[in-house]
Amino acid sequence: MKWMFWIVLPLAGLTLGWIIRWLYARFQLTASEQFAERIKHDAIKEAEAKKKEILLEAKEQVIRERNQQERETRERRAELQRYERRVVQKEETIDKKTAQLERTEQVYVEKEKAFQLREEVLSKEEQRYRSELERISGLTADEAKSLIIRDLESEAKHDAQSLINKIEQEANLAAEKRARDILVTTIQRLATEVTGDVTVATVTLPNDEMKGRIIGREGRNIRTLETLTGADIIIDDTPEAVVISCFDPVRREIAKIALERLILDGRIHPARIEEIVIKVSKDISQKIFEEGEKVLFDMGIHNIKQDAVRALGRLYFRTSYGQNVLHHSKEVAVIAGMLAAEVGCNRDLAKRAALLHDIGKGTESDSDLNHAEIGMDMARKMGEDPRIINAIGSHHNDIEPTCVEAVIVQIADAISAARPGARKETLDNYIKRLENLEGIATGFTGVDKSFAIQAGRELRIMVNNEAVNDEQTRDLAKEIAKKIENDLRYPGRIKVTMIRETRITEYAR
């Protein structure tokens, strides 16, 4: 029985535990169902509240939109009423203006009829007066009209010529004053040396015996020197001096320096002459390049090819009317830069064009072209600016200048050449230039006499007062000045002064 007790007791405990667990689970289930029911009930209440809130908002939105539409409708209605009132007012105004125009048109019609009647009366009176005038004057209407037109035309021409003369005088005075101010300012700022170069080289000898050594046995020394340098060695009766003549200034300089070194060295024979000439040629070539670089550095100009640098350096040994061409080019560049700054154009371009304007004189070309055309070709090959090319070609008016910088180069070139002490001229050339000036003037009809004065810078012309009137005198002066510009080359400018006078002489007896 004991063992049954121990068997039943655990079974009873298990059963009791299961029953308790089942009751607890049942209790938990019931609690969960109640909690779920409460949640469901709360959710339903919340949904109903949210629904009511949304409905209220929708109703409020509908009411607001309805109010907005009603307000817009009222505004549109008010605007339409204003438009209607304006249209009515405009219609009334148009009606009033139409009535006024009709009344005005009626008045104009009546006035037009009155004017037509008046015109008919005046026409008849004019015809009567014209017939009376033709009878009194002995001229027809067309003849009188032609006479009046001729008088008016002559008077108009005279007034027009007077006005043109006045305008020209005022323009000339203003332009001359402005140009004078610019040129005076530029020349005052210019400080340069007076040239002293000459075209013939003379070598001083220690004694006349040196002439024989220079000539050498059977003339072989002088022939060698002339062959190597390309210059003519002139040995004449001039005491203790030898003259070197050559068209090429560089060769003339090489011959001069070589001869001076030979005289100092004392050894004068063909081999030594050849050695000295080769060495001097190298020195001169180096000096040419250095002179070209020096002037470019002084002027602040860069990006120049070596051929152009050498061409500029060769200008150091060349002169024009006694003026060193390289110094002249540098001076023209300085003047052109100052003029460009005064008138407000491209200063750097004007300086560059002015420095290169005579570069054609420094080339070793045997072309038949003049130095301006050679310089243009050289600048074009160097890739220079077209304005610089034009300035080089037009500085002696071989072509027309196309830019302000080209005109400035012309002016600067003339200033440099015309300043006191810049150039020298032989007496024969001077006389020939004056004769050419006077010959151009006397070649015109109506010119009695002409006089070139002030070293050819002014031409005074006496005209026949019976053959030429005042207006014709002015035109004649322009024609003479134009012919001088076309036929002659000269530095600076030439003033043409026309003189026309009437002299009446009576004697009281």
Protein backbone atom coordinates (compact mmCIF):
# COMPACT_ATOMS: atom_id res chain seq x y z
CA MET A 1 0.00 0.00 0.00
CA LYS A 2 2.90 2.24 0.68
CA TRP A 3 4.15 1.98 -2.78
CA MET A 4 0.74 2.90 -4.15
CA PHE A 5 0.78 5.97 -1.98
CA TRP A 6 4.09 7.08 -3.44
CA ILE A 7 2.77 6.50 -6.92
CA VAL A 8 -0.53 8.28 -6.47
CA LEU A 9 0.97 11.24 -4.66
CA PRO A 10 3.18 12.40 -7.60
CA LEU A 11 0.33 11.83 -10.01
CA ALA A 12 -1.93 13.94 -7.91
CA GLY A 13 0.75 16.64 -7.71
CA LEU A 14 1.19 16.62 -11.44
CA THR A 15 -2.52 16.79 -12.02
CA LEU A 16 -2.91 19.60 -9.54
CA GLY A 17 0.01 21.50 -11.19
CA TRP A 18 -1.47 21.06 -14.62
CA ILE A 19 -4.84 22.28 -13.40
CA ILE A 20 -3.24 25.32 -11.80
CA ARG A 21 -1.25 26.06 -14.97
CA TRP A 22 -4.35 25.68 -17.08
CA LEU A 23 -6.26 28.04 -14.83
CA TYR A 24 -3.40 30.58 -15.00
CA ALA A 25 -3.27 30.31 -18.78
CA ARG A 26 -6.99 30.74 -18.91
CA PHE A 27 -6.70 33.79 -16.72
CA GLN A 28 -3.97 35.23 -18.94
CA LEU A 29 -6.04 34.57 -22.04
CA THR A 30 -9.02 36.29 -20.58
CA ALA A 31 -6.87 39.28 -19.56
CA SER A 32 -5.34 39.48 -23.07
CA GLU A 33 -8.78 39.33 -24.66
CA GLN A 34 -9.98 42.10 -22.38
CA PHE A 35 -6.87 44.18 -23.17
CA ALA A 36 -7.35 43.60 -26.90
CA GLU A 37 -10.99 44.56 -26.57
CA ARG A 38 -9.99 47.77 -24.81
CA ILE A 39 -7.43 48.53 -27.52
CA LYS A 40 -10.01 47.86 -30.20
CA HIS A 41 -12.50 50.05 -28.44
CA ASP A 42 -9.92 52.86 -28.05
CA ALA A 43 -8.90 52.55 -31.70
CA ILE A 44 -12.54 52.79 -32.80
CA LYS A 45 -13.00 55.87 -30.63
CA GLU A 46 -9.76 57.44 -31.95
CA ALA A 47 -10.76 56.66 -35.55
CA GLU A 48 -14.17 58.23 -35.04
CA ALA A 49 -12.54 61.30 -33.48
CA LYS A 50 -10.04 61.54 -36.38
CA LYS A 51 -12.90 61.11 -38.83
CA LYS A 52 -14.84 63.91 -37.18
CA GLU A 53 -11.70 66.11 -37.22
CA ILE A 54 -11.08 65.45 -40.92
CA LEU A 55 -14.71 66.15 -41.72
CA LEU A 56 -14.50 69.42 -39.82
CA GLU A 57 -11.31 70.42 -41.66
CA ALA A 58 -12.87 69.51 -45.00
CA LYS A 59 -15.92 71.57 -44.20
CA GLU A 60 -13.74 74.50 -43.16
CA GLN A 61 -11.67 74.17 -46.38
CA VAL A 62 -14.84 74.10 -48.45
CA ILE A 63 -16.10 77.18 -46.62
CA ARG A 64 -12.77 79.01 -47.19
CA GLU A 65 -12.68 78.14 -50.88
CA ARG A 66 -16.30 79.18 -51.22
CA ASN A 67 -15.51 82.51 -49.53
CA GLN A 68 -12.42 82.97 -51.77
CA GLN A 69 -14.46 82.29 -54.91
CA GLU A 70 -17.15 84.68 -53.76
CA ARG A 71 -14.52 87.37 -53.06
CA GLU A 72 -12.86 86.87 -56.46
CA THR A 73 -16.26 86.93 -58.12
CA ARG A 74 -17.08 90.23 -56.40
CA GLU A 75 -13.71 91.70 -57.46
CA ARG A 76 -14.15 90.59 -61.07
CA ARG A 77 -17.66 91.96 -61.08
CA ALA A 78 -16.36 95.29 -59.75
CA GLU A 79 -13.56 95.35 -62.34
CA LEU A 80 -16.02 94.59 -65.14
CA GLN A 81 -18.20 97.42 -63.91
CA ARG A 82 -15.20 99.77 -64.00
CA TYR A 83 -14.36 98.64 -67.55
CA GLU A 84 -17.95 99.18 -68.59
CA ARG A 85 -17.91 102.69 -67.14
CA ARG A 86 -14.61 103.49 -68.96
CA VAL A 87 -15.96 102.11 -72.23
CA VAL A 88 -19.08 104.20 -71.85
CA GLN A 89 -16.97 107.29 -71.11
CA LYS A 90 -14.75 106.64 -74.13
CA GLU A 91 -17.75 106.15 -76.36
CA GLU A 92 -19.15 109.46 -75.13
CA THR A 93 -15.75 111.16 -75.74
CA ILE A 94 -15.53 109.66 -79.23
CA ASP A 95 -19.02 110.83 -80.00
CA LYS A 96 -18.11 114.34 -78.86
CA LYS A 97 -14.88 114.35 -80.92
CA THR A 98 -16.72 113.02 -83.94
CA ALA A 99 -19.23 115.82 -83.69
CA GLN A 100 -16.40 118.35 -83.23
CA LEU A 101 -14.56 116.96 -86.28
CA GLU A 102 -17.70 117.16 -88.35
CA ARG A 103 -18.14 120.80 -87.38
CA THR A 104 -14.44 121.50 -88.05
CA GLU A 105 -14.64 119.75 -91.42
CA GLN A 106 -17.60 121.87 -92.34
CA VAL A 107 -15.66 125.01 -91.39
CA TYR A 108 -12.65 123.84 -93.44
CA VAL A 109 -14.85 123.14 -96.45
CA GLU A 110 -16.27 126.63 -96.26
CA LYS A 111 -12.76 128.15 -95.84
CA GLU A 112 -11.44 126.08 -98.75
CA LYS A 113 -14.18 127.43 -100.96
CA ALA A 114 -13.32 130.95 -99.84
CA PHE A 115 -9.59 130.31 -100.49
CA GLN A 116 -10.34 129.00 -103.97
CA LEU A 117 -12.31 132.10 -104.76
CA ARG A 118 -9.48 134.26 -103.33
CA GLU A 119 -6.88 132.29 -105.31
CA GLU A 120 -8.80 132.84 -108.54
CA VAL A 121 -8.92 136.55 -107.84
CA LEU A 122 -5.21 136.71 -106.96
CA SER A 123 -4.31 134.66 -110.04
CA LYS A 124 -6.11 137.11 -112.26
CA GLU A 125 -4.40 140.03 -110.50
CA GLU A 126 -0.99 138.28 -110.75
CA GLN A 127 -1.51 137.70 -114.46
CA ARG A 128 -2.39 141.33 -114.90
CA TYR A 129 0.63 142.51 -112.87
CA ARG A 130 2.96 140.11 -114.74
CA SER A 131 1.76 141.41 -118.09
CA GLU A 132 2.29 144.97 -116.86
CA LEU A 133 5.82 144.13 -115.56
CA GLU A 134 6.79 142.39 -118.80
CA ARG A 135 5.55 145.43 -120.72
CA ILE A 136 7.49 147.85 -118.51
CA SER A 137 10.76 145.82 -118.19
CA GLY A 138 10.81 144.46 -121.68
CA LEU A 139 11.59 140.94 -120.31
CA THR A 140 9.51 137.83 -120.27
CA ALA A 141 8.88 135.95 -117.03
CA ASP A 142 11.36 133.20 -117.94
CA GLU A 143 14.04 135.74 -118.80
CA ALA A 144 13.51 137.58 -115.52
CA LYS A 145 13.57 134.29 -113.61
CA SER A 146 16.86 133.28 -115.26
CA LEU A 147 18.36 136.67 -114.46
CA ILE A 148 17.34 136.43 -110.81
CA ILE A 149 18.66 132.84 -110.59
CA ARG A 150 22.03 133.90 -111.99
CA ASP A 151 22.29 136.76 -109.51
CA LEU A 152 21.34 134.47 -106.61
CA GLU A 153 23.77 131.78 -107.79
CA SER A 154 26.64 134.26 -108.03
CA GLU A 155 25.82 135.67 -104.59
CA ALA A 156 25.55 132.16 -103.11
CA LYS A 157 28.91 131.14 -104.60
CA HIS A 158 30.53 134.25 -103.18
CA ASP A 159 29.01 133.68 -99.73
CA ALA A 160 29.95 129.98 -99.84
CA GLN A 161 33.54 130.77 -100.80
CA SER A 162 33.77 133.34 -98.01
CA LEU A 163 32.39 130.84 -95.52
CA ILE A 164 34.79 128.14 -96.77
CA ASN A 165 37.74 130.54 -96.47
CA LYS A 166 36.70 131.48 -92.94
CA ILE A 167 36.28 127.84 -91.89
CA GLU A 168 39.62 126.90 -93.46
CA GLN A 169 41.37 129.78 -91.68
CA GLU A 170 39.85 128.84 -88.33
CA ALA A 171 40.64 125.14 -88.84
CA ASN A 172 44.19 125.92 -89.94
CA LEU A 173 44.75 128.19 -86.93
CA ALA A 174 43.38 125.61 -84.50
CA ALA A 175 45.24 122.71 -86.10
CA GLU A 176 48.45 124.71 -86.36
CA LYS A 177 48.24 125.76 -82.70
CA ARG A 178 47.58 122.18 -81.54
CA ALA A 179 50.33 120.77 -83.76
CA ARG A 180 52.74 123.50 -82.62
CA ASP A 181 52.04 122.72 -78.95
CA ILE A 182 52.63 118.99 -79.48
CA LEU A 183 55.79 119.50 -81.54
CA VAL A 184 57.22 122.12 -79.17
CA THR A 185 56.57 119.85 -76.18
CA THR A 186 58.22 116.93 -77.98
CA ILE A 187 61.25 118.90 -79.18
CA GLN A 188 61.75 120.45 -75.71
CA ARG A 189 61.88 116.94 -74.22
CA LEU A 190 64.33 115.75 -76.89
CA ALA A 191 68.01 115.96 -76.01
CA THR A 192 70.37 114.52 -78.59
CA GLU A 193 73.78 115.18 -79.99
CA VAL A 194 74.57 117.12 -83.17
CA THR A 195 75.98 114.89 -85.85
CA GLY A 196 79.51 115.26 -87.09
CA ASP A 197 79.86 112.23 -89.37
CA VAL A 198 81.22 112.59 -92.88
CA THR A 199 81.15 110.22 -95.81
CA VAL A 200 84.87 110.22 -96.65
CA ALA A 201 87.42 108.48 -94.37
CA THR A 202 90.88 109.95 -94.02
CA VAL A 203 93.83 108.15 -92.38
CA THR A 204 96.64 110.28 -91.00
CA LEU A 205 100.19 109.06 -91.73
CA PRO A 206 103.23 109.62 -89.51
CA ASN A 207 105.23 110.74 -92.56
CA ASP A 208 105.11 110.74 -96.34
CA GLU A 209 107.46 107.75 -96.53
CA MET A 210 104.62 105.59 -95.24
CA LYS A 211 102.79 106.15 -98.56
CA GLY A 212 105.45 104.16 -100.37
CA ARG A 213 105.22 101.30 -97.88
CA ILE A 214 101.43 101.25 -98.25
CA ILE A 215 101.76 101.05 -102.04
CA GLY A 216 104.42 98.33 -101.78
CA ARG A 217 106.61 96.84 -104.44
CA GLU A 218 104.85 97.23 -107.81
CA GLY A 219 101.70 98.23 -105.89
CA ARG A 220 101.02 94.77 -104.43
CA ASN A 221 100.26 96.03 -100.90
CA ILE A 222 97.65 98.57 -101.97
CA ARG A 223 96.10 96.10 -104.44
CA THR A 224 95.83 93.47 -101.70
CA LEU A 225 94.23 95.94 -99.33
CA GLU A 226 91.74 97.16 -101.96
CA THR A 227 90.88 93.60 -103.00
CA LEU A 228 90.27 92.36 -99.46
CA THR A 229 88.30 95.40 -98.27
CA GLY A 230 86.52 96.40 -101.50
CA ALA A 231 87.47 100.04 -100.90
CA ASP A 232 89.52 102.47 -103.00
CA ILE A 233 92.74 103.71 -101.38
CA ILE A 234 93.48 107.17 -102.79
CA ILE A 235 97.06 108.35 -102.34
CA ASP A 236 97.61 111.83 -103.78
CA ASP A 237 99.69 114.88 -103.05
CA THR A 238 97.95 115.55 -99.74
CA PRO A 239 100.74 115.55 -97.14
CA GLU A 240 100.69 112.80 -94.54
CA ALA A 241 97.16 111.62 -95.38
CA VAL A 242 95.45 108.83 -97.29
CA VAL A 243 91.81 108.99 -98.40
CA ILE A 244 89.60 105.88 -98.37
CA SER A 245 86.55 105.91 -100.64
CA CYS A 246 83.87 103.23 -100.78
CA PHE A 247 80.13 103.09 -101.39
CA ASP A 248 79.70 100.55 -98.60
CA PRO A 249 80.28 102.33 -95.23
CA VAL A 250 81.12 99.05 -93.47
CA ARG A 251 83.85 98.19 -95.96
CA ARG A 252 85.16 101.74 -95.72
CA GLU A 253 85.36 101.42 -91.92
CA ILE A 254 87.11 98.04 -92.20
CA ALA A 255 89.66 99.52 -94.62
CA LYS A 256 90.25 102.53 -92.37
CA ILE A 257 90.79 100.52 -89.17
CA ALA A 258 92.93 97.91 -90.96
CA LEU A 259 95.14 100.61 -92.46
CA GLU A 260 95.52 102.34 -89.08
CA ARG A 261 96.54 99.05 -87.43
CA LEU A 262 99.00 98.28 -90.22
CA ILE A 263 100.59 101.72 -89.79
CA LEU A 264 100.92 101.18 -86.04
CA ASP A 265 102.25 97.64 -86.51
CA GLY A 266 104.75 98.71 -89.16
CA ARG A 267 104.71 95.32 -90.91
CA ILE A 268 102.99 95.96 -94.21
CA HIS A 269 102.97 93.04 -96.63
CA PRO A 270 100.18 90.98 -98.29
CA ALA A 271 100.09 88.21 -95.67
CA ARG A 272 99.96 90.67 -92.77
CA ILE A 273 97.37 92.77 -94.59
CA GLU A 274 95.13 89.70 -95.04
CA GLU A 275 95.52 88.75 -91.38
CA ILE A 276 94.68 92.27 -90.17
CA VAL A 277 91.69 92.62 -92.52
CA ILE A 278 90.19 89.29 -91.36
CA LYS A 279 90.58 90.26 -87.72
CA VAL A 280 89.14 93.74 -88.27
CA SER A 281 86.21 92.25 -90.20
CA LYS A 282 85.37 90.00 -87.24
CA ASP A 283 85.65 92.96 -84.86
CA ILE A 284 83.40 95.10 -87.05
CA SER A 285 80.86 92.27 -87.37
CA GLN A 286 80.79 91.94 -83.59
CA LYS A 287 80.49 95.71 -83.20
CA ILE A 288 77.58 95.76 -85.66
CA PHE A 289 75.69 93.21 -83.57
CA GLU A 290 76.54 95.01 -80.32
CA GLU A 291 75.39 98.39 -81.69
CA GLY A 292 72.11 96.82 -82.81
CA GLU A 293 71.54 95.20 -79.41
CA LYS A 294 72.51 98.40 -77.63
CA VAL A 295 69.97 100.58 -79.41
CA LEU A 296 67.24 97.96 -78.88
CA PHE A 297 68.07 97.82 -75.16
CA ASP A 298 68.12 101.61 -74.88
CA MET A 299 64.69 101.86 -76.55
CA GLY A 300 63.18 98.94 -74.60
CA ILE A 301 62.25 97.02 -77.76
CA HIS A 302 62.39 93.23 -77.77
CA ASN A 303 61.55 90.20 -79.94
CA ILE A 304 63.71 91.29 -82.89
CA LYS A 305 65.38 88.65 -85.08
CA GLN A 306 69.18 88.58 -85.43
CA ASP A 307 69.05 89.64 -89.09
CA ALA A 308 67.19 92.78 -88.06
CA VAL A 309 69.63 93.40 -85.19
CA ARG A 310 72.55 93.23 -87.63
CA ALA A 311 70.73 95.48 -90.10
CA LEU A 312 70.24 98.06 -87.34
CA GLY A 313 73.88 97.74 -86.32
CA ARG A 314 75.02 98.38 -89.91
CA LEU A 315 73.19 101.72 -89.77
CA TYR A 316 75.84 102.82 -87.27
CA PHE A 317 78.35 103.05 -90.12
CA ARG A 318 75.97 104.73 -92.58
CA THR A 319 75.26 108.45 -92.90
CA SER A 320 72.61 110.45 -94.73
CA TYR A 321 73.45 114.08 -95.47
CA GLY A 322 76.13 113.77 -92.79
CA GLN A 323 73.66 112.40 -90.18
CA ASN A 324 74.39 108.99 -88.63
CA VAL A 325 71.45 106.81 -89.68
CA LEU A 326 71.38 104.70 -86.48
CA HIS A 327 71.39 107.82 -84.29
CA HIS A 328 68.72 109.26 -86.58
CA SER A 329 66.56 106.11 -86.21
CA LYS A 330 66.93 106.17 -82.43
CA GLU A 331 66.05 109.86 -82.36
CA VAL A 332 63.00 109.28 -84.57
CA ALA A 333 61.87 106.49 -82.21
CA VAL A 334 62.15 108.80 -79.18
CA ILE A 335 60.23 111.58 -80.96
CA ALA A 336 57.57 109.15 -82.23
CA GLY A 337 57.07 107.74 -78.73
CA MET A 338 56.54 111.20 -77.27
CA LEU A 339 54.20 112.25 -80.10
CA ALA A 340 52.18 109.05 -79.71
CA ALA A 341 51.85 109.69 -75.98
CA GLU A 342 50.70 113.26 -76.68
CA VAL A 343 47.98 112.27 -79.18
CA GLY A 344 46.92 109.13 -77.28
CA CYS A 345 47.74 106.31 -79.71
CA ASN A 346 49.89 103.15 -79.41
CA ARG A 347 53.24 104.43 -78.07
CA ASP A 348 55.14 101.11 -78.20
CA LEU A 349 54.05 100.40 -81.78
CA ALA A 350 55.03 103.93 -82.89
CA LYS A 351 58.50 103.58 -81.30
CA ARG A 352 59.08 100.19 -82.88
CA ALA A 353 57.99 101.39 -86.34
CA ALA A 354 60.13 104.53 -86.03
CA LEU A 355 63.25 102.59 -85.04
CA LEU A 356 62.80 100.21 -87.99
CA HIS A 357 61.76 102.85 -90.56
CA ASP A 358 65.26 103.03 -92.18
CA ILE A 359 66.21 99.38 -91.64
CA GLY A 360 66.23 98.88 -95.42
CA LYS A 361 69.44 100.96 -95.54
CA GLY A 362 71.20 98.40 -93.34
CA THR A 363 70.60 95.31 -95.49
CA GLU A 364 73.29 93.85 -97.75
CA SER A 365 70.85 93.46 -100.66
CA ASP A 366 71.67 94.57 -104.20
CA SER A 367 67.98 94.99 -105.05
CA ASP A 368 66.75 97.85 -107.25
CA LEU A 369 64.08 98.68 -104.67
CA ASN A 370 64.45 101.75 -102.47
CA HIS A 371 65.20 101.41 -98.78
CA ALA A 372 61.53 101.83 -97.75
CA GLU A 373 60.41 98.95 -99.97
CA ILE A 374 63.32 96.77 -98.81
CA GLY A 375 62.45 97.59 -95.19
CA MET A 376 58.80 96.64 -95.80
CA ASP A 377 59.83 93.24 -97.22
CA MET A 378 62.18 92.63 -94.31
CA ALA A 379 59.54 93.57 -91.71
CA ARG A 380 56.99 91.37 -93.45
CA LYS A 381 59.38 88.39 -93.31
CA MET A 382 59.98 89.07 -89.60
CA GLY A 383 56.22 88.87 -88.96
CA GLU A 384 55.86 92.45 -87.80
CA ASP A 385 52.49 94.12 -87.27
CA PRO A 386 50.86 95.35 -90.55
CA ARG A 387 50.81 98.88 -89.13
CA ILE A 388 54.60 98.78 -88.66
CA ILE A 389 55.02 97.53 -92.23
CA ASN A 390 52.84 100.37 -93.50
CA ALA A 391 54.75 102.95 -91.41
CA ILE A 392 58.09 101.75 -92.86
CA GLY A 393 56.81 101.89 -96.43
CA SER A 394 55.03 105.24 -96.10
CA HIS A 395 57.59 107.32 -94.23
CA HIS A 396 58.67 108.86 -97.57
CA ASN A 397 55.13 108.71 -99.04
CA ASP A 398 55.97 105.78 -101.33
CA ILE A 399 52.61 104.35 -100.21
CA GLU A 400 49.67 105.91 -98.42
CA PRO A 401 49.72 105.74 -94.58
CA THR A 402 46.80 103.72 -93.22
CA CYS A 403 47.14 104.37 -89.48
CA VAL A 404 47.95 107.20 -87.08
CA GLU A 405 51.26 105.59 -86.09
CA ALA A 406 52.47 105.75 -89.72
CA VAL A 407 51.74 109.50 -89.84
CA ILE A 408 53.56 109.97 -86.52
CA VAL A 409 56.62 108.21 -87.95
CA GLN A 410 56.55 110.60 -90.93
CA ILE A 411 56.40 113.61 -88.60
CA ALA A 412 59.14 112.29 -86.31
CA ASP A 413 61.38 111.54 -89.31
CA ALA A 414 60.89 115.09 -90.60
CA ILE A 415 61.62 116.62 -87.16
CA SER A 416 64.82 114.61 -86.75
CA ALA A 417 66.04 115.52 -90.22
CA ALA A 418 65.07 119.18 -90.02
CA ARG A 419 66.42 120.12 -86.61
CA PRO A 420 69.44 122.48 -86.63
CA GLY A 421 72.75 120.69 -87.10
CA ALA A 422 71.17 117.36 -88.02
CA ARG A 423 72.15 117.24 -91.67
CA LYS A 424 74.55 118.83 -94.09
CA GLU A 425 74.11 119.45 -97.78
CA THR A 426 76.58 120.30 -100.50
CA LEU A 427 76.39 123.69 -102.21
CA ASP A 428 75.53 122.14 -105.59
CA ASN A 429 72.63 120.15 -104.16
CA TYR A 430 71.45 123.19 -102.24
CA ILE A 431 71.40 125.41 -105.33
CA LYS A 432 69.77 122.69 -107.40
CA ARG A 433 66.99 122.25 -104.85
CA LEU A 434 66.25 126.00 -104.79
CA GLU A 435 66.19 126.10 -108.60
CA ASN A 436 63.77 123.17 -108.70
CA LEU A 437 61.46 124.94 -106.26
CA GLU A 438 61.43 128.14 -108.27
CA GLY A 439 61.05 126.21 -111.54
CA ILE A 440 57.93 124.40 -110.30
CA ALA A 441 56.28 127.71 -109.37
CA THR A 442 57.12 129.54 -112.60
CA GLY A 443 55.69 126.64 -114.61
CA PHE A 444 52.12 127.64 -113.64
CA THR A 445 50.08 130.12 -115.68
CA GLY A 446 49.66 133.49 -113.96
CA VAL A 447 52.96 133.38 -112.02
CA ASP A 448 55.30 136.30 -112.70
CA LYS A 449 58.20 135.59 -110.35
CA SER A 450 59.13 133.11 -107.61
CA PHE A 451 61.75 133.30 -104.90
CA ALA A 452 62.99 130.41 -102.70
CA ILE A 453 64.07 131.85 -99.36
CA GLN A 454 65.03 130.61 -95.89
CA ALA A 455 67.21 127.80 -97.28
CA GLY A 456 64.35 126.56 -99.41
CA ARG A 457 61.84 126.30 -96.58
CA GLU A 458 59.64 129.07 -97.98
CA LEU A 459 58.59 129.83 -101.54
CA ARG A 460 57.26 133.33 -102.27
CA ILE A 461 55.37 133.70 -105.52
CA MET A 462 54.36 136.94 -107.30
CA VAL A 463 51.23 136.47 -109.46
CA ASN A 464 49.76 138.66 -112.18
CA ASN A 465 46.79 140.44 -110.61
CA GLU A 466 45.08 140.86 -114.00
CA ALA A 467 45.27 137.15 -114.89
CA VAL A 468 44.50 135.71 -111.44
CA ASN A 469 41.86 136.83 -108.92
CA ASP A 470 41.82 136.18 -105.16
CA GLU A 471 39.93 132.87 -105.32
CA GLN A 472 42.13 131.62 -108.15
CA THR A 473 45.23 132.62 -106.16
CA ARG A 474 44.17 130.35 -103.29
CA ASP A 475 43.58 127.42 -105.67
CA LEU A 476 46.91 128.10 -107.41
CA ALA A 477 48.75 127.95 -104.06
CA LYS A 478 47.23 124.54 -103.34
CA GLU A 479 48.18 123.23 -106.79
CA ILE A 480 51.79 124.43 -106.44
CA ALA A 481 52.10 122.90 -102.95
CA LYS A 482 50.70 119.61 -104.25
CA LYS A 483 53.17 119.53 -107.15
CA ILE A 484 56.09 120.22 -104.79
CA GLU A 485 54.97 117.30 -102.61
CA ASN A 486 54.79 114.98 -105.60
CA ASP A 487 57.97 116.03 -107.45
CA LEU A 488 60.49 116.90 -104.73
CA ARG A 489 61.91 115.21 -101.64
CA TYR A 490 62.84 117.47 -98.74
CA PRO A 491 63.06 117.39 -94.94
CA GLY A 492 60.39 119.19 -92.94
CA ARG A 493 57.89 121.29 -94.87
CA ILE A 494 57.94 124.13 -97.39
CA LYS A 495 55.74 127.20 -96.92
CA VAL A 496 54.14 128.55 -100.13
CA THR A 497 53.27 132.26 -99.93
CA MET A 498 51.25 133.86 -102.75
CA ILE A 499 51.50 137.65 -103.29
CA ARG A 500 48.93 139.49 -105.43
CA GLU A 501 48.77 143.26 -105.44
CA THR A 502 47.47 146.12 -107.56
CA ARG A 503 49.69 149.21 -107.97
CA ILE A 504 48.31 152.42 -109.49
CA THR A 505 50.73 155.26 -110.15
CA GLU A 506 49.71 158.81 -111.17
CA TYR A 507 51.82 161.94 -111.52
CA ALA A 508 50.68 165.42 -110.62
CA ARG A 509 52.09 167.93 -113.01
